[in-house]
Amino acid sequence: MAFPESPPQPDPKKLWSKPREGYTLEKWEIYPAPASVVPILMLIPEGTSSESPRPAVFCFPGSSGTREYLANEPCSTPSAQGRSPR
């Protein structure tokens, strides 16, 4: 396929970071395509560093629920606040 060249996109941006028991919860914005932004949550295990890398969990919004639902966090969108985490 001959897709048109995409202009360079901004680097991902960390919006905030909150400590939790055993991990750190971070909210990021990523820019996968022009005029597109996707907010995600990332769960980073305690003790993770460049010297001690560990797998992180990325929570993307999707058809199975909100990113907060996947991270077991209170929902930040009014339309889904009645839902409770598993």
Protein backbone atom coordinates (compact mmCIF):
# COMPACT_ATOMS: atom_id res chain seq x y z
CA MET A 1 0.00 0.00 0.00
CA ALA A 2 1.16 3.52 -0.67
CA PHE A 3 0.25 5.42 2.49
CA PRO A 4 1.09 9.14 2.52
CA GLU A 5 4.00 10.26 4.68
CA SER A 6 2.87 11.31 8.16
CA PRO A 7 4.36 14.40 9.75
CA PRO A 8 6.42 13.76 12.89
CA GLN A 9 4.25 13.33 15.99
CA PRO A 10 4.93 14.76 19.47
CA ASP A 11 6.72 12.56 21.97
CA PRO A 12 4.52 10.86 24.59
CA LYS A 13 3.79 13.16 27.54
CA LYS A 14 3.56 12.07 31.20
CA LEU A 15 0.69 13.99 32.85
CA TRP A 16 1.07 12.74 36.43
CA SER A 17 2.44 9.99 38.65
CA LYS A 18 0.91 8.56 41.85
CA PRO A 19 2.44 5.98 44.19
CA ARG A 20 0.40 2.87 44.94
CA GLU A 21 1.20 -0.18 47.07
CA GLY A 22 3.72 -2.20 45.04
CA TYR A 23 3.66 -0.01 41.94
CA THR A 24 3.42 3.53 40.56
CA LEU A 25 0.40 4.64 38.52
CA GLU A 26 1.16 7.09 35.72
CA LYS A 27 -1.12 8.82 33.23
CA TRP A 28 0.34 9.47 29.78
CA GLU A 29 -0.85 10.91 26.48
CA ILE A 30 0.44 9.29 23.30
CA TYR A 31 0.08 10.64 19.77
CA PRO A 32 -0.27 7.71 17.35
CA ALA A 33 -1.39 9.72 14.29
CA PRO A 34 -1.83 13.34 13.19
CA ALA A 35 -4.56 15.12 15.18
CA SER A 36 -4.92 12.08 17.45
CA VAL A 37 -4.21 11.77 21.15
CA VAL A 38 -4.76 8.63 23.27
CA PRO A 39 -4.68 8.85 27.09
CA ILE A 40 -3.31 5.72 28.76
CA LEU A 41 -2.50 4.55 32.27
CA MET A 42 0.75 2.76 32.99
CA LEU A 43 1.41 0.63 36.08
CA ILE A 44 5.13 0.44 36.86
CA PRO A 45 6.26 -2.16 39.41
CA GLU A 46 8.08 -0.94 42.51
CA GLY A 47 11.87 -1.10 42.16
CA THR A 48 11.86 -0.59 38.39
CA SER A 49 14.84 1.39 37.07
CA SER A 50 17.22 1.42 34.13
CA GLU A 51 19.49 -0.89 36.17
CA SER A 52 16.57 -3.14 37.17
CA PRO A 53 14.06 -3.22 34.27
CA ARG A 54 10.69 -4.91 34.84
CA PRO A 55 7.56 -5.34 32.73
CA ALA A 56 4.98 -2.56 33.02
CA VAL A 57 1.23 -2.76 32.38
CA PHE A 58 -0.33 -0.44 29.79
CA CYS A 59 -4.07 0.26 30.17
CA PHE A 60 -5.65 1.53 26.95
CA PRO A 61 -9.32 2.53 26.65
CA GLY A 62 -11.27 0.11 24.51
CA SER A 63 -14.40 -1.92 23.99
CA SER A 64 -13.92 -3.97 27.17
CA GLY A 65 -13.90 -0.95 29.49
CA THR A 66 -12.09 2.18 30.52
CA ARG A 67 -8.38 2.40 31.27
CA GLU A 68 -9.32 3.10 34.92
CA TYR A 69 -11.37 -0.09 35.03
CA LEU A 70 -8.38 -2.07 33.75
CA ALA A 71 -6.10 -0.45 36.38
CA ASN A 72 -8.64 -0.96 39.22
CA GLU A 73 -8.88 2.82 39.72
CA PRO A 74 -11.94 5.08 40.15
CA CYS A 75 -13.29 6.16 36.78
CA SER A 76 -12.54 9.74 35.73
CA THR A 77 -15.25 10.05 33.06
CA PRO A 78 -18.77 11.00 34.22
CA SER A 79 -20.52 8.59 31.80
CA ALA A 80 -18.77 5.56 33.31
CA GLN A 81 -18.64 6.51 37.00
CA GLY A 82 -21.37 4.06 37.94
CA ARG A 83 -19.10 1.17 36.96
CA SER A 84 -16.95 -0.33 39.64
CA PRO A 85 -13.61 -2.06 39.16
CA ARG A 86 -13.47 -5.85 39.19
